[in-house]
Amino acid sequence: MEHKTASADEDMDTGTEGPPPGLDARVGRIVRHTLADQVYGDLKEILLAGRAAPGERFTLRGLASAIGTSAMPVREAVSRLVAENALEVLPNRAVRVPLMPRARFKELRLIRCSLEGLATETAVREASEAEIVEVERFERLFAAERDKPEPDGAAAMRHNKDLHFALYRAAHLPTLFQMIEGLWLQIGPVLNLDFRASPERVRQGEAHIRHAAIAAALRGRDPETARAALIDDIWSAGDFILSREVLPD
């Protein structure tokens, strides 16, 4: 809309009549990029929330058909995610969620503890009341899902992701948040191997205890306790995934 208004104003100033040359082409580009951004955002959320597993494949044509759009915005969105190491293109042009070797998983876990620990400590000091309430809300949602007779692993993963990101957002450090988001684009699918292992894993795991400790420390403005609980959460989930022997060497 802003592009069209600016063009119209320019026409009035210069006394020209009708739309500027090539307006249809420019509008087409705007629409295409808007769709690409939307597809990128949707795919990004799927990866962050662990709704896709390592090794899962799809085609550009199949994804475009499922979304109901042309291949161009899908190709642009996928290219961005490939550049962020969140997806990879195979020789047959299929797109795959990358496999995660054990060594890389351990490396990312160490980096996560450092960056997410820093974000947690900072959030405890900087979070507004509304941001604290938001973290507490996601903590309750996760606990409520865990307490169900048959917990939904996908829902548990979504609440887990929302809790963590609400916490990191409250640090008000956009560069750090962007770095953490980049890590989660790579690690999110691997978390699929934790919460979605079985309903019993959600029920018997101790993530809810650590989430409650993080929320309480945030409320109590205790950065050291919050950081320790956050690192324990990351480390214990990693230990479970590694124990399943599902990551390639």
C-alpha atoms as a PDB file:
ATOM      1  CA  MET A   1       0.000   0.000   0.000  1.00  0.00           C
ATOM      2  CA  GLU A   2       2.807   2.418   0.820  1.00  0.00           C
ATOM      3  CA  HIS A   3       4.474   1.726  -2.507  1.00  0.00           C
ATOM      4  CA  LYS A   4       1.286   2.478  -4.448  1.00  0.00           C
ATOM      5  CA  THR A   5       0.539   5.660  -2.469  1.00  0.00           C
ATOM      6  CA  ALA A   6       4.032   7.008  -3.040  1.00  0.00           C
ATOM      7  CA  SER A   7       3.750   6.383  -6.786  1.00  0.00           C
ATOM      8  CA  ALA A   8       0.380   8.107  -6.925  1.00  0.00           C
ATOM      9  CA  ASP A   9       1.734  11.146  -5.087  1.00  0.00           C
ATOM     10  CA  GLU A  10       4.638  11.363  -7.500  1.00  0.00           C
ATOM     11  CA  ASP A  11       2.216  11.299 -10.446  1.00  0.00           C
ATOM     12  CA  MET A  12       0.240  14.192  -8.965  1.00  0.00           C
ATOM     13  CA  ASP A  13       3.389  16.255  -8.443  1.00  0.00           C
ATOM     14  CA  THR A  14       4.625  15.743 -11.985  1.00  0.00           C
ATOM     15  CA  GLY A  15       1.238  16.074 -13.656  1.00  0.00           C
ATOM     16  CA  THR A  16       1.388  12.641 -15.269  1.00  0.00           C
ATOM     17  CA  GLU A  17      -1.739  10.590 -15.643  1.00  0.00           C
ATOM     18  CA  GLY A  18      -2.337   6.879 -15.028  1.00  0.00           C
ATOM     19  CA  PRO A  19      -0.142   4.361 -13.242  1.00  0.00           C
ATOM     20  CA  PRO A  20       3.629   4.520 -13.655  1.00  0.00           C
ATOM     21  CA  PRO A  21       5.174   2.111 -16.156  1.00  0.00           C
ATOM     22  CA  GLY A  22       5.661  -1.389 -14.817  1.00  0.00           C
ATOM     23  CA  LEU A  23       3.379  -0.978 -11.807  1.00  0.00           C
ATOM     24  CA  ASP A  24       1.833  -4.401 -12.391  1.00  0.00           C
ATOM     25  CA  ALA A  25       5.270  -5.978 -12.320  1.00  0.00           C
ATOM     26  CA  ARG A  26       6.201  -4.156  -9.108  1.00  0.00           C
ATOM     27  CA  VAL A  27       2.963  -5.169  -7.410  1.00  0.00           C
ATOM     28  CA  GLY A  28       3.682  -8.747  -8.474  1.00  0.00           C
ATOM     29  CA  ARG A  29       7.065  -8.594  -6.757  1.00  0.00           C
ATOM     30  CA  ILE A  30       5.520  -7.169  -3.585  1.00  0.00           C
ATOM     31  CA  VAL A  31       2.945  -9.960  -3.461  1.00  0.00           C
ATOM     32  CA  ARG A  32       5.588 -12.594  -4.146  1.00  0.00           C
ATOM     33  CA  HIS A  33       7.861 -11.341  -1.372  1.00  0.00           C
ATOM     34  CA  THR A  34       4.936 -11.083   1.032  1.00  0.00           C
ATOM     35  CA  LEU A  35       4.069 -14.716   0.320  1.00  0.00           C
ATOM     36  CA  ALA A  36       7.730 -15.727   0.666  1.00  0.00           C
ATOM     37  CA  ASP A  37       7.885 -14.034   4.073  1.00  0.00           C
ATOM     38  CA  GLN A  38       4.714 -15.806   5.159  1.00  0.00           C
ATOM     39  CA  VAL A  39       5.975 -19.200   3.994  1.00  0.00           C
ATOM     40  CA  TYR A  40       9.321 -18.516   5.675  1.00  0.00           C
ATOM     41  CA  GLY A  41       7.578 -17.641   8.932  1.00  0.00           C
ATOM     42  CA  ASP A  42       5.398 -20.742   8.814  1.00  0.00           C
ATOM     43  CA  LEU A  43       8.303 -23.081   8.057  1.00  0.00           C
ATOM     44  CA  LYS A  44      10.413 -21.384  10.687  1.00  0.00           C
ATOM     45  CA  GLU A  45       7.739 -21.940  13.341  1.00  0.00           C
ATOM     46  CA  ILE A  46       7.472 -25.617  12.378  1.00  0.00           C
ATOM     47  CA  LEU A  47      11.215 -26.037  12.862  1.00  0.00           C
ATOM     48  CA  LEU A  48      11.452 -23.987  16.062  1.00  0.00           C
ATOM     49  CA  ALA A  49       8.591 -25.886  17.682  1.00  0.00           C
ATOM     50  CA  GLY A  50      10.031 -29.260  16.717  1.00  0.00           C
ATOM     51  CA  ARG A  51       7.098 -30.186  14.497  1.00  0.00           C
ATOM     52  CA  ALA A  52       9.483 -31.656  11.920  1.00  0.00           C
ATOM     53  CA  ALA A  53      11.933 -34.443  12.687  1.00  0.00           C
ATOM     54  CA  PRO A  54      15.548 -34.742  11.497  1.00  0.00           C
ATOM     55  CA  GLY A  55      15.669 -36.431   8.101  1.00  0.00           C
ATOM     56  CA  GLU A  56      12.097 -35.489   7.170  1.00  0.00           C
ATOM     57  CA  ARG A  57      11.812 -34.612   3.469  1.00  0.00           C
ATOM     58  CA  PHE A  58       9.521 -32.620   1.221  1.00  0.00           C
ATOM     59  CA  THR A  59       9.556 -31.175  -2.292  1.00  0.00           C
ATOM     60  CA  LEU A  60       9.101 -27.562  -3.311  1.00  0.00           C
ATOM     61  CA  ARG A  61       6.239 -28.546  -5.585  1.00  0.00           C
ATOM     62  CA  GLY A  62       4.526 -30.573  -2.867  1.00  0.00           C
ATOM     63  CA  LEU A  63       4.891 -27.784  -0.316  1.00  0.00           C
ATOM     64  CA  ALA A  64       3.636 -25.175  -2.760  1.00  0.00           C
ATOM     65  CA  SER A  65       0.631 -27.385  -3.532  1.00  0.00           C
ATOM     66  CA  ALA A  66      -0.115 -27.869   0.161  1.00  0.00           C
ATOM     67  CA  ILE A  67       0.064 -24.121   0.805  1.00  0.00           C
ATOM     68  CA  GLY A  68      -1.841 -23.281  -2.363  1.00  0.00           C
ATOM     69  CA  THR A  69       0.765 -20.963  -3.860  1.00  0.00           C
ATOM     70  CA  SER A  70       3.303 -20.967  -6.673  1.00  0.00           C
ATOM     71  CA  ALA A  71       6.756 -22.448  -6.298  1.00  0.00           C
ATOM     72  CA  MET A  72       8.566 -19.083  -6.295  1.00  0.00           C
ATOM     73  CA  PRO A  73       7.757 -17.889  -2.739  1.00  0.00           C
ATOM     74  CA  VAL A  74       8.373 -21.408  -1.426  1.00  0.00           C
ATOM     75  CA  ARG A  75      11.755 -21.507  -3.154  1.00  0.00           C
ATOM     76  CA  GLU A  76      12.706 -18.128  -1.678  1.00  0.00           C
ATOM     77  CA  ALA A  77      11.639 -19.159   1.830  1.00  0.00           C
ATOM     78  CA  VAL A  78      13.501 -22.462   1.613  1.00  0.00           C
ATOM     79  CA  SER A  79      16.632 -20.700   0.327  1.00  0.00           C
ATOM     80  CA  ARG A  80      16.646 -18.472   3.416  1.00  0.00           C
ATOM     81  CA  LEU A  81      16.333 -21.476   5.722  1.00  0.00           C
ATOM     82  CA  VAL A  82      19.065 -23.346   3.859  1.00  0.00           C
ATOM     83  CA  ALA A  83      21.357 -20.343   4.400  1.00  0.00           C
ATOM     84  CA  GLU A  84      20.536 -20.570   8.126  1.00  0.00           C
ATOM     85  CA  ASN A  85      21.458 -24.284   8.218  1.00  0.00           C
ATOM     86  CA  ALA A  86      17.878 -25.145   9.097  1.00  0.00           C
ATOM     87  CA  LEU A  87      17.162 -27.044   5.860  1.00  0.00           C
ATOM     88  CA  GLU A  88      19.284 -28.676   3.179  1.00  0.00           C
ATOM     89  CA  VAL A  89      18.727 -29.390  -0.504  1.00  0.00           C
ATOM     90  CA  LEU A  90      19.579 -32.919  -1.611  1.00  0.00           C
ATOM     91  CA  PRO A  91      21.080 -33.829  -5.021  1.00  0.00           C
ATOM     92  CA  ASN A  92      17.624 -34.914  -6.249  1.00  0.00           C
ATOM     93  CA  ARG A  93      16.356 -31.430  -5.305  1.00  0.00           C
ATOM     94  CA  ALA A  94      14.273 -32.728  -2.439  1.00  0.00           C
ATOM     95  CA  VAL A  95      14.491 -30.594   0.700  1.00  0.00           C
ATOM     96  CA  ARG A  96      15.376 -32.237   3.986  1.00  0.00           C
ATOM     97  CA  VAL A  97      15.497 -31.326   7.644  1.00  0.00           C
ATOM     98  CA  PRO A  98      19.200 -31.970   8.311  1.00  0.00           C
ATOM     99  CA  LEU A  99      20.346 -34.942  10.326  1.00  0.00           C
ATOM    100  CA  MET A 100      22.126 -34.015  13.546  1.00  0.00           C
ATOM    101  CA  PRO A 101      25.382 -35.853  14.314  1.00  0.00           C
ATOM    102  CA  ARG A 102      26.019 -36.508  18.009  1.00  0.00           C
ATOM    103  CA  ALA A 103      29.131 -34.324  18.075  1.00  0.00           C
ATOM    104  CA  ARG A 104      27.288 -31.363  16.585  1.00  0.00           C
ATOM    105  CA  PHE A 105      24.387 -31.841  18.972  1.00  0.00           C
ATOM    106  CA  LYS A 106      26.776 -31.730  21.933  1.00  0.00           C
ATOM    107  CA  GLU A 107      28.465 -28.627  20.526  1.00  0.00           C
ATOM    108  CA  LEU A 108      25.142 -26.830  20.072  1.00  0.00           C
ATOM    109  CA  ARG A 109      24.089 -27.826  23.578  1.00  0.00           C
ATOM    110  CA  LEU A 110      27.180 -26.143  25.033  1.00  0.00           C
ATOM    111  CA  ILE A 111      26.567 -22.989  23.004  1.00  0.00           C
ATOM    112  CA  ARG A 112      22.889 -22.969  23.994  1.00  0.00           C
ATOM    113  CA  CYS A 113      23.763 -23.147  27.669  1.00  0.00           C
ATOM    114  CA  SER A 114      26.008 -20.104  27.291  1.00  0.00           C
ATOM    115  CA  LEU A 115      23.716 -17.925  25.173  1.00  0.00           C
ATOM    116  CA  GLU A 116      20.384 -18.968  26.668  1.00  0.00           C
ATOM    117  CA  GLY A 117      21.844 -18.782  30.152  1.00  0.00           C
ATOM    118  CA  LEU A 118      22.911 -15.191  29.492  1.00  0.00           C
ATOM    119  CA  ALA A 119      19.468 -14.347  28.102  1.00  0.00           C
ATOM    120  CA  THR A 120      17.813 -15.884  31.162  1.00  0.00           C
ATOM    121  CA  GLU A 121      19.945 -13.973  33.646  1.00  0.00           C
ATOM    122  CA  THR A 122      19.302 -10.745  31.787  1.00  0.00           C
ATOM    123  CA  ALA A 123      15.575 -11.407  31.519  1.00  0.00           C
ATOM    124  CA  VAL A 124      15.328 -11.868  35.279  1.00  0.00           C
ATOM    125  CA  ARG A 125      16.759  -8.383  35.713  1.00  0.00           C
ATOM    126  CA  GLU A 126      14.926  -6.677  32.842  1.00  0.00           C
ATOM    127  CA  ALA A 127      11.538  -8.378  32.415  1.00  0.00           C
ATOM    128  CA  SER A 128       8.401  -6.312  32.871  1.00  0.00           C
ATOM    129  CA  GLU A 129       5.480  -7.579  34.919  1.00  0.00           C
ATOM    130  CA  ALA A 130       3.586  -8.419  31.729  1.00  0.00           C
ATOM    131  CA  GLU A 131       6.546 -10.461  30.462  1.00  0.00           C
ATOM    132  CA  ILE A 132       6.802 -12.359  33.729  1.00  0.00           C
ATOM    133  CA  VAL A 133       3.098 -13.159  33.543  1.00  0.00           C
ATOM    134  CA  GLU A 134       3.547 -14.433  29.987  1.00  0.00           C
ATOM    135  CA  VAL A 135       6.335 -16.831  31.016  1.00  0.00           C
ATOM    136  CA  GLU A 136       4.198 -18.040  33.913  1.00  0.00           C
ATOM    137  CA  ARG A 137       1.279 -18.646  31.551  1.00  0.00           C
ATOM    138  CA  PHE A 138       3.321 -20.903  29.288  1.00  0.00           C
ATOM    139  CA  GLU A 139       4.733 -22.688  32.319  1.00  0.00           C
ATOM    140  CA  ARG A 140       1.178 -23.494  33.456  1.00  0.00           C
ATOM    141  CA  LEU A 141       0.171 -24.612  29.953  1.00  0.00           C
ATOM    142  CA  PHE A 142       3.095 -27.016  29.793  1.00  0.00           C
ATOM    143  CA  ALA A 143       2.353 -28.379  33.273  1.00  0.00           C
ATOM    144  CA  ALA A 144      -1.336 -28.802  32.413  1.00  0.00           C
ATOM    145  CA  GLU A 145      -0.461 -30.763  29.262  1.00  0.00           C
ATOM    146  CA  ARG A 146       1.953 -32.925  31.213  1.00  0.00           C
ATOM    147  CA  ASP A 147      -0.746 -33.758  33.788  1.00  0.00           C
ATOM    148  CA  LYS A 148      -3.196 -35.097  31.202  1.00  0.00           C
ATOM    149  CA  PRO A 149      -3.724 -38.880  31.082  1.00  0.00           C
ATOM    150  CA  GLU A 150      -2.492 -38.865  27.467  1.00  0.00           C
ATOM    151  CA  PRO A 151      -0.302 -35.777  26.943  1.00  0.00           C
ATOM    152  CA  ASP A 152       0.065 -34.433  23.424  1.00  0.00           C
ATOM    153  CA  GLY A 153       3.791 -34.329  22.689  1.00  0.00           C
ATOM    154  CA  ALA A 154       3.367 -31.722  19.953  1.00  0.00           C
ATOM    155  CA  ALA A 155       1.439 -29.422  22.298  1.00  0.00           C
ATOM    156  CA  ALA A 156       4.031 -29.923  25.038  1.00  0.00           C
ATOM    157  CA  MET A 157       6.789 -28.988  22.604  1.00  0.00           C
ATOM    158  CA  ARG A 158       4.918 -25.865  21.525  1.00  0.00           C
ATOM    159  CA  HIS A 159       4.409 -24.714  25.121  1.00  0.00           C
ATOM    160  CA  ASN A 160       8.060 -25.487  25.881  1.00  0.00           C
ATOM    161  CA  LYS A 161       9.223 -23.404  22.933  1.00  0.00           C
ATOM    162  CA  ASP A 162       6.840 -20.553  23.793  1.00  0.00           C
ATOM    163  CA  LEU A 163       8.055 -20.487  27.404  1.00  0.00           C
ATOM    164  CA  HIS A 164      11.712 -20.364  26.425  1.00  0.00           C
ATOM    165  CA  PHE A 165      11.218 -17.688  23.789  1.00  0.00           C
ATOM    166  CA  ALA A 166       9.036 -15.525  26.040  1.00  0.00           C
ATOM    167  CA  LEU A 167      11.863 -15.692  28.581  1.00  0.00           C
ATOM    168  CA  TYR A 168      14.587 -14.809  26.081  1.00  0.00           C
ATOM    169  CA  ARG A 169      12.519 -12.036  24.529  1.00  0.00           C
ATOM    170  CA  ALA A 170      12.205 -10.467  27.976  1.00  0.00           C
ATOM    171  CA  ALA A 171      15.974  -9.907  28.039  1.00  0.00           C
ATOM    172  CA  HIS A 172      15.474  -7.100  25.486  1.00  0.00           C
ATOM    173  CA  LEU A 173      18.670  -8.045  23.647  1.00  0.00           C
ATOM    174  CA  PRO A 174      17.588  -8.425  20.002  1.00  0.00           C
ATOM    175  CA  THR A 175      20.972  -9.556  18.691  1.00  0.00           C
ATOM    176  CA  LEU A 176      21.227 -12.264  21.345  1.00  0.00           C
ATOM    177  CA  PHE A 177      17.630 -13.303  20.660  1.00  0.00           C
ATOM    178  CA  GLN A 178      18.399 -13.636  16.957  1.00  0.00           C
ATOM    179  CA  MET A 179      21.415 -15.835  17.735  1.00  0.00           C
ATOM    180  CA  ILE A 180      19.324 -18.075  19.976  1.00  0.00           C
ATOM    181  CA  GLU A 181      16.620 -18.325  17.342  1.00  0.00           C
ATOM    182  CA  GLY A 182      19.257 -19.454  14.834  1.00  0.00           C
ATOM    183  CA  LEU A 183      20.352 -22.206  17.211  1.00  0.00           C
ATOM    184  CA  TRP A 184      16.769 -23.343  17.740  1.00  0.00           C
ATOM    185  CA  LEU A 185      16.171 -23.544  13.997  1.00  0.00           C
ATOM    186  CA  GLN A 186      18.827 -26.253  14.011  1.00  0.00           C
ATOM    187  CA  ILE A 187      18.064 -27.889  17.358  1.00  0.00           C
ATOM    188  CA  GLY A 188      14.253 -27.671  17.293  1.00  0.00           C
ATOM    189  CA  PRO A 189      13.731 -30.733  15.098  1.00  0.00           C
ATOM    190  CA  VAL A 190      16.006 -32.781  17.380  1.00  0.00           C
ATOM    191  CA  LEU A 191      13.804 -31.893  20.365  1.00  0.00           C
ATOM    192  CA  ASN A 192      11.149 -33.801  18.438  1.00  0.00           C
ATOM    193  CA  LEU A 193      13.055 -36.870  19.630  1.00  0.00           C
ATOM    194  CA  ASP A 194      12.382 -35.916  23.255  1.00  0.00           C
ATOM    195  CA  PHE A 195       8.832 -34.721  23.914  1.00  0.00           C
ATOM    196  CA  ARG A 196       7.370 -36.721  21.060  1.00  0.00           C
ATOM    197  CA  ALA A 197       9.119 -39.939  22.059  1.00  0.00           C
ATOM    198  CA  SER A 198       5.913 -41.038  23.809  1.00  0.00           C
ATOM    199  CA  PRO A 199       3.161 -39.618  26.039  1.00  0.00           C
ATOM    200  CA  GLU A 200       4.910 -41.289  28.965  1.00  0.00           C
ATOM    201  CA  ARG A 201       8.063 -39.298  28.310  1.00  0.00           C
ATOM    202  CA  VAL A 202       6.083 -36.076  28.743  1.00  0.00           C
ATOM    203  CA  ARG A 203       4.434 -37.403  31.901  1.00  0.00           C
ATOM    204  CA  GLN A 204       7.536 -38.909  33.483  1.00  0.00           C
ATOM    205  CA  GLY A 205      10.062 -36.273  32.447  1.00  0.00           C
ATOM    206  CA  GLU A 206      11.084 -33.507  34.814  1.00  0.00           C
ATOM    207  CA  ALA A 207      10.930 -30.542  32.454  1.00  0.00           C
ATOM    208  CA  HIS A 208       7.897 -29.208  34.335  1.00  0.00           C
ATOM    209  CA  ILE A 209       9.934 -29.045  37.538  1.00  0.00           C
ATOM    210  CA  ARG A 210      12.670 -27.015  35.868  1.00  0.00           C
ATOM    211  CA  HIS A 211      10.141 -24.773  34.124  1.00  0.00           C
ATOM    212  CA  ALA A 212       8.488 -24.074  37.474  1.00  0.00           C
ATOM    213  CA  ALA A 213      11.893 -23.263  38.975  1.00  0.00           C
ATOM    214  CA  ILE A 214      12.666 -20.861  36.115  1.00  0.00           C
ATOM    215  CA  ALA A 215       9.308 -19.105  36.486  1.00  0.00           C
ATOM    216  CA  ALA A 216       9.690 -18.835  40.265  1.00  0.00           C
ATOM    217  CA  ALA A 217      13.217 -17.444  39.965  1.00  0.00           C
ATOM    218  CA  LEU A 218      12.015 -14.961  37.364  1.00  0.00           C
ATOM    219  CA  ARG A 219       9.239 -13.826  39.687  1.00  0.00           C
ATOM    220  CA  GLY A 220      11.705 -13.653  42.589  1.00  0.00           C
ATOM    221  CA  ARG A 221      14.319 -11.767  40.530  1.00  0.00           C
ATOM    222  CA  ASP A 222      16.941 -14.454  41.214  1.00  0.00           C
ATOM    223  CA  PRO A 223      19.161 -14.595  38.091  1.00  0.00           C
ATOM    224  CA  GLU A 224      21.582 -17.261  39.355  1.00  0.00           C
ATOM    225  CA  THR A 225      18.814 -19.731  40.217  1.00  0.00           C
ATOM    226  CA  ALA A 226      17.006 -19.051  36.942  1.00  0.00           C
ATOM    227  CA  ARG A 227      20.159 -19.649  34.928  1.00  0.00           C
ATOM    228  CA  ALA A 228      20.953 -22.876  36.793  1.00  0.00           C
ATOM    229  CA  ALA A 229      17.421 -24.221  36.207  1.00  0.00           C
ATOM    230  CA  LEU A 230      17.561 -23.268  32.528  1.00  0.00           C
ATOM    231  CA  ILE A 231      20.909 -25.000  31.991  1.00  0.00           C
ATOM    232  CA  ASP A 232      19.662 -28.070  33.862  1.00  0.00           C
ATOM    233  CA  ASP A 233      16.639 -28.121  31.550  1.00  0.00           C
ATOM    234  CA  ILE A 234      18.801 -27.980  28.408  1.00  0.00           C
ATOM    235  CA  TRP A 235      21.311 -30.516  29.708  1.00  0.00           C
ATOM    236  CA  SER A 236      18.829 -33.123  30.924  1.00  0.00           C
ATOM    237  CA  ALA A 237      16.823 -33.021  27.681  1.00  0.00           C
ATOM    238  CA  GLY A 238      20.082 -33.475  25.788  1.00  0.00           C
ATOM    239  CA  ASP A 239      21.066 -36.439  27.941  1.00  0.00           C
ATOM    240  CA  PHE A 240      17.744 -38.142  27.190  1.00  0.00           C
ATOM    241  CA  ILE A 241      18.096 -37.608  23.438  1.00  0.00           C
ATOM    242  CA  LEU A 242      21.682 -38.881  23.459  1.00  0.00           C
ATOM    243  CA  SER A 243      20.638 -41.930  25.499  1.00  0.00           C
ATOM    244  CA  ARG A 244      18.185 -42.976  22.785  1.00  0.00           C
ATOM    245  CA  GLU A 245      21.059 -43.601  20.343  1.00  0.00           C
ATOM    246  CA  VAL A 246      19.110 -42.068  17.469  1.00  0.00           C
ATOM    247  CA  LEU A 247      21.656 -39.446  16.417  1.00  0.00           C
ATOM    248  CA  PRO A 248      24.230 -40.516  13.819  1.00  0.00           C
ATOM    249  CA  ASP A 249      27.927 -40.533  14.700  1.00  0.00           C
END
